[in-house]
C-alpha atoms as a PDB file:
ATOM      1  CA  UNK A   1      40.609  72.157  19.743  1.00  0.00           C
ATOM      2  CA  UNK A   2      41.251  75.012  22.216  1.00  0.00           C
ATOM      3  CA  UNK A   3      40.691  78.611  21.338  1.00  0.00           C
ATOM      4  CA  UNK A   4      43.548  81.038  20.777  1.00  0.00           C
ATOM      5  CA  UNK A   5      43.253  82.911  24.132  1.00  0.00           C
ATOM      6  CA  UNK A   6      43.429  79.633  26.081  1.00  0.00           C
ATOM      7  CA  UNK A   7      46.545  78.591  24.150  1.00  0.00           C
ATOM      8  CA  UNK A   8      48.183  81.979  24.781  1.00  0.00           C
ATOM      9  CA  UNK A   9      47.463  81.693  28.510  1.00  0.00           C
ATOM     10  CA  UNK A  10      48.942  78.180  28.630  1.00  0.00           C
ATOM     11  CA  UNK A  11      52.048  79.324  26.737  1.00  0.00           C
ATOM     12  CA  UNK A  12      52.550  82.239  29.161  1.00  0.00           C
ATOM     13  CA  UNK A  13      52.154  79.879  32.149  1.00  0.00           C
ATOM     14  CA  UNK A  14      54.904  77.678  30.687  1.00  0.00           C
ATOM     15  CA  UNK A  15      57.165  80.725  30.338  1.00  0.00           C
ATOM     16  CA  UNK A  16      56.753  81.364  26.635  1.00  0.00           C
ATOM     17  CA  UNK A  17      56.075  84.584  24.739  1.00  0.00           C
ATOM     18  CA  UNK A  18      52.891  84.310  22.626  1.00  0.00           C
ATOM     19  CA  UNK A  19      53.425  87.424  20.503  1.00  0.00           C
ATOM     20  CA  UNK A  20      51.520  87.330  17.117  1.00  0.00           C
ATOM     21  CA  UNK A  21      51.338  83.556  16.629  1.00  0.00           C
ATOM     22  CA  UNK A  22      48.716  81.529  14.908  1.00  0.00           C
ATOM     23  CA  UNK A  23      46.896  78.684  16.642  1.00  0.00           C
ATOM     24  CA  UNK A  24      49.193  76.114  14.970  1.00  0.00           C
ATOM     25  CA  UNK A  25      52.312  78.034  16.069  1.00  0.00           C
ATOM     26  CA  UNK A  26      50.960  78.330  19.623  1.00  0.00           C
ATOM     27  CA  UNK A  27      50.327  74.578  19.791  1.00  0.00           C
ATOM     28  CA  UNK A  28      53.826  73.861  18.490  1.00  0.00           C
ATOM     29  CA  UNK A  29      55.435  76.224  21.012  1.00  0.00           C
ATOM     30  CA  UNK A  30      53.448  74.615  23.851  1.00  0.00           C
ATOM     31  CA  UNK A  31      54.596  71.130  22.746  1.00  0.00           C
ATOM     32  CA  UNK A  32      58.213  72.309  22.659  1.00  0.00           C
ATOM     33  CA  UNK A  33      57.995  73.814  26.153  1.00  0.00           C
ATOM     34  CA  UNK A  34      56.314  70.693  27.527  1.00  0.00           C
ATOM     35  CA  UNK A  35      58.962  68.509  25.905  1.00  0.00           C
ATOM     36  CA  UNK A  36      61.772  70.382  27.612  1.00  0.00           C
ATOM     37  CA  UNK A  37      63.538  68.246  30.197  1.00  0.00           C
ATOM     38  CA  UNK A  38      61.434  68.508  33.366  1.00  0.00           C
ATOM     39  CA  UNK A  39      64.411  67.603  35.589  1.00  0.00           C
ATOM     40  CA  UNK A  40      65.435  71.230  35.387  1.00  0.00           C
ATOM     41  CA  UNK A  41      63.196  72.574  38.132  1.00  0.00           C
ATOM     42  CA  UNK A  42      62.859  75.942  39.754  1.00  0.00           C
ATOM     43  CA  UNK A  43      65.438  74.860  42.351  1.00  0.00           C
ATOM     44  CA  UNK A  44      68.195  75.022  39.698  1.00  0.00           C
ATOM     45  CA  UNK A  45      67.263  78.484  38.565  1.00  0.00           C
ATOM     46  CA  UNK A  46      70.122  80.962  39.223  1.00  0.00           C
ATOM     47  CA  UNK A  47      67.756  83.408  40.904  1.00  0.00           C
ATOM     48  CA  UNK A  48      66.579  80.746  43.366  1.00  0.00           C
ATOM     49  CA  UNK A  49      70.162  79.702  44.110  1.00  0.00           C
ATOM     50  CA  UNK A  50      71.162  83.317  44.723  1.00  0.00           C
ATOM     51  CA  UNK A  51      68.210  83.910  47.074  1.00  0.00           C
ATOM     52  CA  UNK A  52      69.036  80.715  48.987  1.00  0.00           C
ATOM     53  CA  UNK A  53      72.671  81.836  49.389  1.00  0.00           C
ATOM     54  CA  UNK A  54      71.553  85.268  50.601  1.00  0.00           C
ATOM     55  CA  UNK A  55      69.203  83.672  53.147  1.00  0.00           C
ATOM     56  CA  UNK A  56      71.961  81.373  54.437  1.00  0.00           C
ATOM     57  CA  UNK A  57      74.337  84.323  54.790  1.00  0.00           C
ATOM     58  CA  UNK A  58      71.669  86.361  56.606  1.00  0.00           C
ATOM     59  CA  UNK A  59      71.006  83.451  59.003  1.00  0.00           C
ATOM     60  CA  UNK A  60      74.730  83.017  59.649  1.00  0.00           C
ATOM     61  CA  UNK A  61      75.162  86.731  60.444  1.00  0.00           C
ATOM     62  CA  UNK A  62      72.123  86.676  62.737  1.00  0.00           C
ATOM     63  CA  UNK A  63      73.636  83.768  64.701  1.00  0.00           C
ATOM     64  CA  UNK A  64      76.976  85.601  64.984  1.00  0.00           C
ATOM     65  CA  UNK A  65      75.224  88.759  66.169  1.00  0.00           C
ATOM     66  CA  UNK A  66      73.320  86.744  68.782  1.00  0.00           C
ATOM     67  CA  UNK A  67      76.594  85.231  70.032  1.00  0.00           C
ATOM     68  CA  UNK A  68      78.211  88.686  70.283  1.00  0.00           C
ATOM     69  CA  UNK A  69      75.206  90.064  72.144  1.00  0.00           C
ATOM     70  CA  UNK A  70      75.345  87.153  74.580  1.00  0.00           C
ATOM     71  CA  UNK A  71      79.060  87.732  75.208  1.00  0.00           C
ATOM     72  CA  UNK A  72      78.413  91.438  75.819  1.00  0.00           C
ATOM     73  CA  UNK A  73      75.653  90.605  78.298  1.00  0.00           C
ATOM     74  CA  UNK A  74      78.003  88.244  80.146  1.00  0.00           C
ATOM     75  CA  UNK A  75      80.801  90.828  80.179  1.00  0.00           C
ATOM     76  CA  UNK A  76      78.518  93.632  81.393  1.00  0.00           C
ATOM     77  CA  UNK A  77      78.528  92.625  85.096  1.00  0.00           C
ATOM     78  CA  UNK A  78      82.321  92.356  85.025  1.00  0.00           C
ATOM     79  CA  UNK A  79      82.601  95.852  83.562  1.00  0.00           C
ATOM     80  CA  UNK A  80      80.201  97.220  86.175  1.00  0.00           C
ATOM     81  CA  UNK A  81      82.293  95.641  88.933  1.00  0.00           C
ATOM     82  CA  UNK A  82      85.474  97.190  87.580  1.00  0.00           C
ATOM     83  CA  UNK A  83      83.745 100.605  87.349  1.00  0.00           C
ATOM     84  CA  UNK A  84      82.587 100.312  90.947  1.00  0.00           C
ATOM     85  CA  UNK A  85      86.117  99.424  92.027  1.00  0.00           C
ATOM     86  CA  UNK A  86      87.488 102.424  90.142  1.00  0.00           C
ATOM     87  CA  UNK A  87      84.978 104.753  91.802  1.00  0.00           C
ATOM     88  CA  UNK A  88      86.040 103.660  95.268  1.00  0.00           C
ATOM     89  CA  UNK A  89      88.544 106.273  96.298  1.00  0.00           C
ATOM     90  CA  UNK A  90      90.757 106.008  99.335  1.00  0.00           C
ATOM     91  CA  UNK A  91      89.290 107.530 102.481  1.00  0.00           C
ATOM     92  CA  UNK A  92      90.723 110.973 103.136  1.00  0.00           C
ATOM     93  CA  UNK A  93      91.691 112.417 106.469  1.00  0.00           C
ATOM     94  CA  UNK A  94      89.643 115.455 107.462  1.00  0.00           C
ATOM     95  CA  UNK A  95      90.880 118.638 109.144  1.00  0.00           C
ATOM     96  CA  UNK A  96      88.502 120.734 111.251  1.00  0.00           C
ATOM     97  CA  UNK A  97      89.448 124.346 111.925  1.00  0.00           C
ATOM     98  CA  UNK A  98      88.497 126.551 114.899  1.00  0.00           C
ATOM     99  CA  UNK A  99      85.299 127.687 113.130  1.00  0.00           C
ATOM    100  CA  UNK A 100      84.057 124.077 112.842  1.00  0.00           C
ATOM    101  CA  UNK A 101      84.588 123.917 109.047  1.00  0.00           C
ATOM    102  CA  UNK A 102      85.959 120.665 107.675  1.00  0.00           C
ATOM    103  CA  UNK A 103      88.602 120.439 104.972  1.00  0.00           C
ATOM    104  CA  UNK A 104      90.380 117.578 103.178  1.00  0.00           C
ATOM    105  CA  UNK A 105      92.917 117.246 100.389  1.00  0.00           C
ATOM    106  CA  UNK A 106      91.391 116.729  96.958  1.00  0.00           C
ATOM    107  CA  UNK A 107      91.789 113.344  95.323  1.00  0.00           C
ATOM    108  CA  UNK A 108      93.748 115.067  92.574  1.00  0.00           C
ATOM    109  CA  UNK A 109      96.216 116.591  95.067  1.00  0.00           C
ATOM    110  CA  UNK A 110      99.776 115.238  94.912  1.00  0.00           C
ATOM    111  CA  UNK A 111     100.824 112.811  97.644  1.00  0.00           C
ATOM    112  CA  UNK A 112     103.598 115.181  98.761  1.00  0.00           C
ATOM    113  CA  UNK A 113     103.825 118.968  98.895  1.00  0.00           C
ATOM    114  CA  UNK A 114     106.797 121.275  99.315  1.00  0.00           C
ATOM    115  CA  UNK A 115     105.907 123.703 102.110  1.00  0.00           C
ATOM    116  CA  UNK A 116     108.456 126.019 103.662  1.00  0.00           C
ATOM    117  CA  UNK A 117     111.302 124.252 101.869  1.00  0.00           C
ATOM    118  CA  UNK A 118     110.319 120.863 103.297  1.00  0.00           C
ATOM    119  CA  UNK A 119     108.691 118.019 101.377  1.00  0.00           C
ATOM    120  CA  UNK A 120     105.822 116.670 103.445  1.00  0.00           C
ATOM    121  CA  UNK A 121     103.191 114.002 102.824  1.00  0.00           C
ATOM    122  CA  UNK A 122      99.567 115.098 102.849  1.00  0.00           C
ATOM    123  CA  UNK A 123      98.924 112.829 105.847  1.00  0.00           C
ATOM    124  CA  UNK A 124     101.606 114.750 107.792  1.00  0.00           C
ATOM    125  CA  UNK A 125     100.309 118.156 106.679  1.00  0.00           C
ATOM    126  CA  UNK A 126      96.710 117.478 107.723  1.00  0.00           C
ATOM    127  CA  UNK A 127      97.854 116.710 111.282  1.00  0.00           C
ATOM    128  CA  UNK A 128      99.730 120.030 111.545  1.00  0.00           C
ATOM    129  CA  UNK A 129      97.285 122.827 112.508  1.00  0.00           C
ATOM    130  CA  UNK A 130      99.601 125.666 111.486  1.00  0.00           C
ATOM    131  CA  UNK A 131     100.245 124.323 107.972  1.00  0.00           C
ATOM    132  CA  UNK A 132      96.584 123.501 107.399  1.00  0.00           C
ATOM    133  CA  UNK A 133      95.472 126.964 108.483  1.00  0.00           C
ATOM    134  CA  UNK A 134      98.006 128.430 106.083  1.00  0.00           C
ATOM    135  CA  UNK A 135      96.549 126.345 103.231  1.00  0.00           C
ATOM    136  CA  UNK A 136      92.931 127.096 104.214  1.00  0.00           C
ATOM    137  CA  UNK A 137      93.335 130.844 104.546  1.00  0.00           C
ATOM    138  CA  UNK A 138      95.615 130.909 101.505  1.00  0.00           C
ATOM    139  CA  UNK A 139      92.840 129.265  99.433  1.00  0.00           C
ATOM    140  CA  UNK A 140      95.045 126.399  98.260  1.00  0.00           C
ATOM    141  CA  UNK A 141      93.870 124.541  95.185  1.00  0.00           C
ATOM    142  CA  UNK A 142      94.858 121.235  96.794  1.00  0.00           C
ATOM    143  CA  UNK A 143      92.234 121.297  99.533  1.00  0.00           C
ATOM    144  CA  UNK A 144      88.465 121.371  99.480  1.00  0.00           C
ATOM    145  CA  UNK A 145      85.775 122.033 102.003  1.00  0.00           C
ATOM    146  CA  UNK A 146      83.771 119.021 103.144  1.00  0.00           C
ATOM    147  CA  UNK A 147      80.097 119.728 103.774  1.00  0.00           C
END
């Protein structure tokens, strides 16, 4: 016959509550717990099922995140190419005045300007010394100095 502390330990290991039981009650409770259908394992426990579902969901999200990251890495060179193409601005014609200073129309300047009642393209204006000097000495916002 086992002592009372050993029986209490065995009952606790089987998932029982020993409380204030006598030796006979402890032995009866142990027999009941051992007689319980053993087909019900820890795998069927709701807590285990919930943890398994959480793990599967976490794994699924990790795979999706990896796929998204891979797509972003593949799309990155394409985006860099489009940025480089956007940065390429058309080559501007340059005007050099009698002092040797160089000027050109800003990229933000309109394609045509109304000067002296005439609408002229910037390519026509830059070839005309008189109009360019007027814009340079008038500090026009449409031209900038090229260094």
